[in-house]
C-alpha atoms as a PDB file:
ATOM      1  CA  MET A   1       2.665  -5.526 -21.614  1.00  0.00           C
ATOM      2  CA  LYS A   2       0.439  -8.293 -20.246  1.00  0.00           C
ATOM      3  CA  PRO A   3      -2.800  -6.936 -18.707  1.00  0.00           C
ATOM      4  CA  GLU A   4      -3.161  -7.321 -14.934  1.00  0.00           C
ATOM      5  CA  ASN A   5      -6.307  -7.547 -12.868  1.00  0.00           C
ATOM      6  CA  ILE A   6      -7.222  -4.461 -10.835  1.00  0.00           C
ATOM      7  CA  LEU A   7      -6.353  -6.107  -7.521  1.00  0.00           C
ATOM      8  CA  ARG A   8      -2.794  -6.853  -8.526  1.00  0.00           C
ATOM      9  CA  MET A   9      -2.456  -3.312  -9.862  1.00  0.00           C
ATOM     10  CA  PHE A  10      -3.745  -1.948  -6.549  1.00  0.00           C
ATOM     11  CA  GLN A  11      -1.220  -3.970  -4.553  1.00  0.00           C
ATOM     12  CA  ASP A  12       1.662  -3.006  -6.831  1.00  0.00           C
ATOM     13  CA  THR A  13       0.688   0.672  -6.598  1.00  0.00           C
ATOM     14  CA  ALA A  14       0.335   0.503  -2.809  1.00  0.00           C
ATOM     15  CA  GLU A  15       3.764  -1.033  -2.429  1.00  0.00           C
ATOM     16  CA  ARG A  16       5.267   1.595  -4.722  1.00  0.00           C
ATOM     17  CA  ARG A  17       3.564   4.702  -3.273  1.00  0.00           C
ATOM     18  CA  GLY A  18       3.687   3.672   0.370  1.00  0.00           C
ATOM     19  CA  GLU A  19       2.919   6.568   2.706  1.00  0.00           C
ATOM     20  CA  GLU A  20       1.407   8.823   0.044  1.00  0.00           C
ATOM     21  CA  ALA A  21      -2.296   9.559   0.557  1.00  0.00           C
ATOM     22  CA  CYS A  22      -4.515   6.972  -1.132  1.00  0.00           C
ATOM     23  CA  LEU A  23      -7.915   8.331  -0.072  1.00  0.00           C
ATOM     24  CA  ARG A  24      -9.356  11.125   2.035  1.00  0.00           C
ATOM     25  CA  TYR A  25     -12.554  11.210   4.071  1.00  0.00           C
ATOM     26  CA  LYS A  26     -14.275  13.658   6.401  1.00  0.00           C
ATOM     27  CA  GLN A  27     -14.718  12.692  10.054  1.00  0.00           C
ATOM     28  CA  GLY A  28     -16.121  15.057  12.663  1.00  0.00           C
ATOM     29  CA  GLY A  29     -15.834  17.919  10.187  1.00  0.00           C
ATOM     30  CA  ILE A  30     -12.120  17.252   9.648  1.00  0.00           C
ATOM     31  CA  TRP A  31     -10.575  15.814   6.495  1.00  0.00           C
ATOM     32  CA  ARG A  32      -8.386  12.799   7.199  1.00  0.00           C
ATOM     33  CA  ALA A  33      -6.264  10.634   4.944  1.00  0.00           C
ATOM     34  CA  LEU A  34      -5.295   6.993   4.659  1.00  0.00           C
ATOM     35  CA  SER A  35      -2.007   6.139   2.993  1.00  0.00           C
ATOM     36  CA  TRP A  36      -1.625   3.421   0.381  1.00  0.00           C
ATOM     37  CA  THR A  37       0.164   1.296   2.987  1.00  0.00           C
ATOM     38  CA  GLU A  38      -2.672   1.742   5.478  1.00  0.00           C
ATOM     39  CA  CYS A  39      -5.338   0.971   2.897  1.00  0.00           C
ATOM     40  CA  LEU A  40      -3.609  -2.213   1.787  1.00  0.00           C
ATOM     41  CA  ALA A  41      -3.183  -3.340   5.410  1.00  0.00           C
ATOM     42  CA  GLN A  42      -6.854  -2.691   6.179  1.00  0.00           C
ATOM     43  CA  ILE A  43      -7.980  -4.516   3.036  1.00  0.00           C
ATOM     44  CA  LYS A  44      -5.911  -7.571   3.952  1.00  0.00           C
ATOM     45  CA  HIS A  45      -7.429  -7.516   7.437  1.00  0.00           C
ATOM     46  CA  LEU A  46     -10.995  -7.186   6.143  1.00  0.00           C
ATOM     47  CA  ALA A  47     -10.409 -10.061   3.726  1.00  0.00           C
ATOM     48  CA  GLU A  48      -9.339 -12.312   6.600  1.00  0.00           C
ATOM     49  CA  SER A  49     -12.480 -11.357   8.528  1.00  0.00           C
ATOM     50  CA  LEU A  50     -14.578 -12.245   5.485  1.00  0.00           C
ATOM     51  CA  LYS A  51     -12.837 -15.609   5.288  1.00  0.00           C
ATOM     52  CA  LYS A  52     -13.741 -16.254   8.940  1.00  0.00           C
ATOM     53  CA  LEU A  53     -17.380 -15.682   7.985  1.00  0.00           C
ATOM     54  CA  GLY A  54     -16.977 -18.414   5.386  1.00  0.00           C
ATOM     55  CA  VAL A  55     -16.802 -16.173   2.306  1.00  0.00           C
ATOM     56  CA  LYS A  56     -14.988 -17.893  -0.536  1.00  0.00           C
ATOM     57  CA  SER A  57     -14.500 -17.607  -4.275  1.00  0.00           C
ATOM     58  CA  GLY A  58     -17.767 -17.118  -6.129  1.00  0.00           C
ATOM     59  CA  ASP A  59     -19.788 -16.074  -3.073  1.00  0.00           C
ATOM     60  CA  ARG A  60     -21.852 -12.896  -3.308  1.00  0.00           C
ATOM     61  CA  VAL A  61     -21.377 -10.163  -0.703  1.00  0.00           C
ATOM     62  CA  ALA A  62     -23.704  -7.140  -0.725  1.00  0.00           C
ATOM     63  CA  ILE A  63     -22.978  -3.586   0.428  1.00  0.00           C
ATOM     64  CA  LEU A  64     -26.003  -1.414   1.266  1.00  0.00           C
ATOM     65  CA  SER A  65     -24.488   1.968   1.990  1.00  0.00           C
ATOM     66  CA  ASN A  66     -23.921   5.509   0.862  1.00  0.00           C
ATOM     67  CA  THR A  67     -20.443   6.455  -0.379  1.00  0.00           C
ATOM     68  CA  ARG A  68     -17.792   6.126   2.355  1.00  0.00           C
ATOM     69  CA  TYR A  69     -14.189   4.980   2.503  1.00  0.00           C
ATOM     70  CA  GLU A  70     -15.086   1.652   4.138  1.00  0.00           C
ATOM     71  CA  TRP A  71     -17.153   0.843   1.037  1.00  0.00           C
ATOM     72  CA  THR A  72     -14.034   0.988  -1.138  1.00  0.00           C
ATOM     73  CA  LEU A  73     -11.918  -1.090   1.236  1.00  0.00           C
ATOM     74  CA  LEU A  74     -14.629  -3.727   1.601  1.00  0.00           C
ATOM     75  CA  ASP A  75     -15.087  -3.910  -2.153  1.00  0.00           C
ATOM     76  CA  ILE A  76     -11.410  -4.668  -2.753  1.00  0.00           C
ATOM     77  CA  ALA A  77     -11.322  -7.138   0.151  1.00  0.00           C
ATOM     78  CA  ILE A  78     -14.323  -8.994  -1.287  1.00  0.00           C
ATOM     79  CA  LEU A  79     -12.813  -9.135  -4.775  1.00  0.00           C
ATOM     80  CA  SER A  80      -9.467 -10.356  -3.404  1.00  0.00           C
ATOM     81  CA  LEU A  81     -11.182 -13.552  -2.238  1.00  0.00           C
ATOM     82  CA  GLY A  82     -12.566 -14.185  -5.714  1.00  0.00           C
ATOM     83  CA  ALA A  83     -15.976 -13.308  -4.281  1.00  0.00           C
ATOM     84  CA  VAL A  84     -18.461 -10.984  -5.973  1.00  0.00           C
ATOM     85  CA  THR A  85     -19.514  -7.531  -4.736  1.00  0.00           C
ATOM     86  CA  VAL A  86     -23.227  -6.708  -4.969  1.00  0.00           C
ATOM     87  CA  PRO A  87     -23.655  -2.935  -4.430  1.00  0.00           C
ATOM     88  CA  ILE A  88     -27.143  -1.787  -3.405  1.00  0.00           C
ATOM     89  CA  TYR A  89     -28.281   1.844  -3.589  1.00  0.00           C
ATOM     90  CA  HIS A  90     -28.777   3.270  -0.101  1.00  0.00           C
ATOM     91  CA  SER A  91     -32.100   4.704  -1.328  1.00  0.00           C
ATOM     92  CA  SER A  92     -33.460   1.241  -2.213  1.00  0.00           C
ATOM     93  CA  MET A  93     -36.660   0.108  -0.516  1.00  0.00           C
ATOM     94  CA  SER A  94     -37.001  -3.152   1.393  1.00  0.00           C
ATOM     95  CA  ASP A  95     -38.751  -5.003  -1.442  1.00  0.00           C
ATOM     96  CA  GLU A  96     -36.007  -3.984  -3.889  1.00  0.00           C
ATOM     97  CA  ILE A  97     -33.322  -5.109  -1.435  1.00  0.00           C
ATOM     98  CA  GLN A  98     -35.154  -8.408  -0.989  1.00  0.00           C
ATOM     99  CA  HIS A  99     -35.207  -8.974  -4.753  1.00  0.00           C
ATOM    100  CA  ILE A 100     -31.515  -8.138  -5.201  1.00  0.00           C
ATOM    101  CA  LEU A 101     -30.365 -10.321  -2.312  1.00  0.00           C
ATOM    102  CA  ASN A 102     -32.471 -13.261  -3.477  1.00  0.00           C
ATOM    103  CA  ASP A 103     -31.547 -12.858  -7.134  1.00  0.00           C
ATOM    104  CA  SER A 104     -27.812 -12.576  -6.401  1.00  0.00           C
ATOM    105  CA  GLY A 105     -27.817 -15.202  -3.652  1.00  0.00           C
ATOM    106  CA  ALA A 106     -25.828 -12.906  -1.363  1.00  0.00           C
ATOM    107  CA  LYS A 107     -24.311 -14.704   1.626  1.00  0.00           C
ATOM    108  CA  VAL A 108     -23.333 -11.606   3.618  1.00  0.00           C
ATOM    109  CA  ILE A 109     -24.552  -8.011   3.588  1.00  0.00           C
ATOM    110  CA  PHE A 110     -22.960  -4.889   5.019  1.00  0.00           C
ATOM    111  CA  ALA A 111     -25.605  -2.346   6.092  1.00  0.00           C
ATOM    112  CA  GLU A 112     -24.490   1.223   6.709  1.00  0.00           C
ATOM    113  CA  ASN A 113     -26.685   2.128   9.690  1.00  0.00           C
ATOM    114  CA  SER A 114     -29.892   1.326  11.573  1.00  0.00           C
ATOM    115  CA  THR A 115     -32.032   2.722   8.746  1.00  0.00           C
ATOM    116  CA  GLN A 116     -30.502   0.344   6.216  1.00  0.00           C
ATOM    117  CA  LEU A 117     -30.489  -2.510   8.717  1.00  0.00           C
ATOM    118  CA  GLU A 118     -34.222  -2.134   9.270  1.00  0.00           C
ATOM    119  CA  LYS A 119     -34.834  -2.580   5.543  1.00  0.00           C
ATOM    120  CA  VAL A 120     -32.824  -5.805   5.512  1.00  0.00           C
ATOM    121  CA  LEU A 121     -34.516  -7.172   8.637  1.00  0.00           C
ATOM    122  CA  LYS A 122     -37.925  -6.500   7.129  1.00  0.00           C
ATOM    123  CA  ALA A 123     -37.062  -8.826   4.256  1.00  0.00           C
ATOM    124  CA  ARG A 124     -34.888 -11.272   6.183  1.00  0.00           C
ATOM    125  CA  GLY A 125     -37.504 -13.986   6.561  1.00  0.00           C
ATOM    126  CA  SER A 126     -37.528 -14.610   2.819  1.00  0.00           C
ATOM    127  CA  LEU A 127     -33.755 -14.469   2.281  1.00  0.00           C
ATOM    128  CA  SER A 128     -32.711 -18.115   2.165  1.00  0.00           C
ATOM    129  CA  ALA A 129     -29.067 -17.535   1.182  1.00  0.00           C
ATOM    130  CA  LEU A 130     -28.274 -14.695   3.588  1.00  0.00           C
ATOM    131  CA  GLU A 131     -26.203 -15.895   6.554  1.00  0.00           C
ATOM    132  CA  ARG A 132     -24.712 -12.770   8.107  1.00  0.00           C
ATOM    133  CA  ILE A 133     -25.408  -9.056   8.457  1.00  0.00           C
ATOM    134  CA  VAL A 134     -22.664  -6.613   9.408  1.00  0.00           C
ATOM    135  CA  LEU A 135     -23.643  -3.134  10.621  1.00  0.00           C
ATOM    136  CA  LEU A 136     -21.083  -0.436   9.805  1.00  0.00           C
ATOM    137  CA  ASP A 137     -22.445   2.196  12.218  1.00  0.00           C
ATOM    138  CA  GLY A 138     -24.750   1.900  15.208  1.00  0.00           C
ATOM    139  CA  ARG A 139     -25.988  -0.646  17.720  1.00  0.00           C
ATOM    140  CA  VAL A 140     -26.591  -4.270  16.840  1.00  0.00           C
ATOM    141  CA  LEU A 141     -29.920  -5.962  17.592  1.00  0.00           C
ATOM    142  CA  GLY A 142     -30.716  -9.549  16.667  1.00  0.00           C
ATOM    143  CA  ASP A 143     -29.023 -12.866  15.976  1.00  0.00           C
ATOM    144  CA  GLY A 144     -26.621 -13.207  13.091  1.00  0.00           C
ATOM    145  CA  ILE A 145     -25.738  -9.500  13.164  1.00  0.00           C
ATOM    146  CA  LEU A 146     -22.253  -8.159  13.886  1.00  0.00           C
ATOM    147  CA  ASN A 147     -21.137  -4.590  14.364  1.00  0.00           C
ATOM    148  CA  PHE A 148     -18.129  -3.500  12.326  1.00  0.00           C
ATOM    149  CA  GLU A 149     -15.680  -3.792  15.225  1.00  0.00           C
ATOM    150  CA  GLU A 150     -16.810  -7.359  15.938  1.00  0.00           C
ATOM    151  CA  PHE A 151     -16.439  -8.172  12.278  1.00  0.00           C
ATOM    152  CA  LYS A 152     -12.909  -6.748  12.105  1.00  0.00           C
ATOM    153  CA  ALA A 153     -11.925  -8.642  15.264  1.00  0.00           C
ATOM    154  CA  LEU A 154     -12.516 -11.916  13.396  1.00  0.00           C
ATOM    155  CA  GLY A 155      -9.454 -11.275  11.236  1.00  0.00           C
ATOM    156  CA  GLN A 156      -7.198  -9.926  13.977  1.00  0.00           C
ATOM    157  CA  GLY A 157      -3.721 -11.462  13.950  1.00  0.00           C
ATOM    158  CA  LEU A 158      -4.356 -13.765  10.983  1.00  0.00           C
ATOM    159  CA  GLU A 159      -1.692 -14.056   8.316  1.00  0.00           C
ATOM    160  CA  SER A 160      -2.821 -12.838   4.918  1.00  0.00           C
ATOM    161  CA  ASP A 161      -2.238 -14.607   1.608  1.00  0.00           C
ATOM    162  CA  PHE A 162      -3.531 -11.572  -0.305  1.00  0.00           C
ATOM    163  CA  GLY A 163      -0.579 -11.381  -2.708  1.00  0.00           C
ATOM    164  CA  VAL A 164      -0.969 -15.007  -3.756  1.00  0.00           C
ATOM    165  CA  ARG A 165      -4.747 -14.833  -4.148  1.00  0.00           C
ATOM    166  CA  VAL A 166      -4.905 -11.736  -6.313  1.00  0.00           C
ATOM    167  CA  ARG A 167      -2.468 -13.221  -8.807  1.00  0.00           C
ATOM    168  CA  GLN A 168      -4.705 -16.239  -9.281  1.00  0.00           C
ATOM    169  CA  ILE A 169      -7.781 -14.227 -10.270  1.00  0.00           C
ATOM    170  CA  GLY A 170      -8.475 -14.326 -13.984  1.00  0.00           C
ATOM    171  CA  LEU A 171      -9.208 -11.287 -16.122  1.00  0.00           C
ATOM    172  CA  GLU A 172     -12.631 -12.638 -17.069  1.00  0.00           C
ATOM    173  CA  ASP A 173     -13.707 -13.705 -13.582  1.00  0.00           C
ATOM    174  CA  LEU A 174     -16.945 -12.231 -12.295  1.00  0.00           C
ATOM    175  CA  ALA A 175     -16.283  -9.238 -10.039  1.00  0.00           C
ATOM    176  CA  THR A 176     -19.474  -7.271  -9.489  1.00  0.00           C
ATOM    177  CA  LEU A 177     -23.207  -7.598 -10.005  1.00  0.00           C
ATOM    178  CA  VAL A 178     -24.566  -4.072 -10.457  1.00  0.00           C
ATOM    179  CA  TYR A 179     -28.347  -3.944 -10.383  1.00  0.00           C
ATOM    180  CA  THR A 180     -30.364  -1.523 -12.478  1.00  0.00           C
ATOM    181  CA  SER A 181     -32.765   0.947 -10.877  1.00  0.00           C
ATOM    182  CA  GLY A 182     -35.731  -1.216 -11.861  1.00  0.00           C
ATOM    183  CA  THR A 183     -37.789   1.550 -13.458  1.00  0.00           C
ATOM    184  CA  THR A 184     -39.209  -0.812 -16.107  1.00  0.00           C
ATOM    185  CA  GLY A 185     -39.476  -3.899 -13.906  1.00  0.00           C
ATOM    186  CA  PRO A 186     -37.489  -5.756 -11.229  1.00  0.00           C
ATOM    187  CA  PRO A 187     -33.813  -4.670 -10.988  1.00  0.00           C
ATOM    188  CA  LYS A 188     -31.575  -6.710 -13.274  1.00  0.00           C
ATOM    189  CA  GLY A 189     -27.964  -7.625 -12.471  1.00  0.00           C
ATOM    190  CA  VAL A 190     -25.289  -6.388 -14.870  1.00  0.00           C
ATOM    191  CA  ILE A 191     -22.161  -8.558 -14.857  1.00  0.00           C
ATOM    192  CA  ASN A 192     -18.754  -6.848 -14.568  1.00  0.00           C
ATOM    193  CA  SER A 193     -15.424  -8.636 -14.882  1.00  0.00           C
ATOM    194  CA  ARG A 194     -12.040  -7.809 -13.370  1.00  0.00           C
ATOM    195  CA  TRP A 195     -10.012  -6.836 -16.409  1.00  0.00           C
ATOM    196  CA  VAL A 196      -8.031  -3.668 -17.043  1.00  0.00           C
ATOM    197  CA  LEU A 197      -6.051  -2.343 -19.970  1.00  0.00           C
ATOM    198  CA  PRO A 198      -2.245  -2.533 -19.651  1.00  0.00           C
ATOM    199  CA  THR A 199      -1.717   1.230 -19.919  1.00  0.00           C
ATOM    200  CA  PRO A 200      -2.085   2.804 -16.420  1.00  0.00           C
ATOM    201  CA  THR A 201      -3.893   5.847 -17.843  1.00  0.00           C
ATOM    202  CA  ARG A 202      -6.584   3.689 -19.456  1.00  0.00           C
ATOM    203  CA  ARG A 203      -7.931   1.577 -16.619  1.00  0.00           C
ATOM    204  CA  ALA A 204     -11.472   0.350 -17.110  1.00  0.00           C
ATOM    205  CA  SER A 205     -13.900  -2.419 -16.232  1.00  0.00           C
ATOM    206  CA  ILE A 206     -16.131  -3.961 -18.844  1.00  0.00           C
ATOM    207  CA  SER A 207     -19.651  -5.334 -18.821  1.00  0.00           C
ATOM    208  CA  SER A 208     -20.230  -8.697 -20.470  1.00  0.00           C
END
């Protein structure tokens, strides 16, 4: 069997499993679920919003957030454009965030809340590549910053070419830049590609 990239596998699985629960998250003390169909639809929508921000293949998009379901959906949406996800630990300090954003050349960053946003704004003056900040939760203050609803509205009603795009992504294409904790010096980016093994029970990503 010919290996497939993880995005194509996700789409194929979503189309096969449909209304089965894909992920669960807690909201207001209550566990809720999103089906595979819902997740795929949201990912397509988020990808169109990213395209409206000018994100294209090879661009770096950072996510500064704790674990949450939006993180997963954004990650897949970013990868589906051939862009590169740059995850940043939510515990990172402003100087570390500044280094990672400059080193990766991130064009867009998603900040989880006002605490994370403040860290980004503190370093913003020295971030030459950064064009947009999207705040997942909370109020928006400042130019070039969108809240999550405003961001999602950018892709409203646009037709998605998700299925075509994900089949054009190569197995060795850059997917993610994961930065080290920086305990022995500045954080260093570890390159991950988008390949998976053909057997469904042995999915993996590999560092190169």
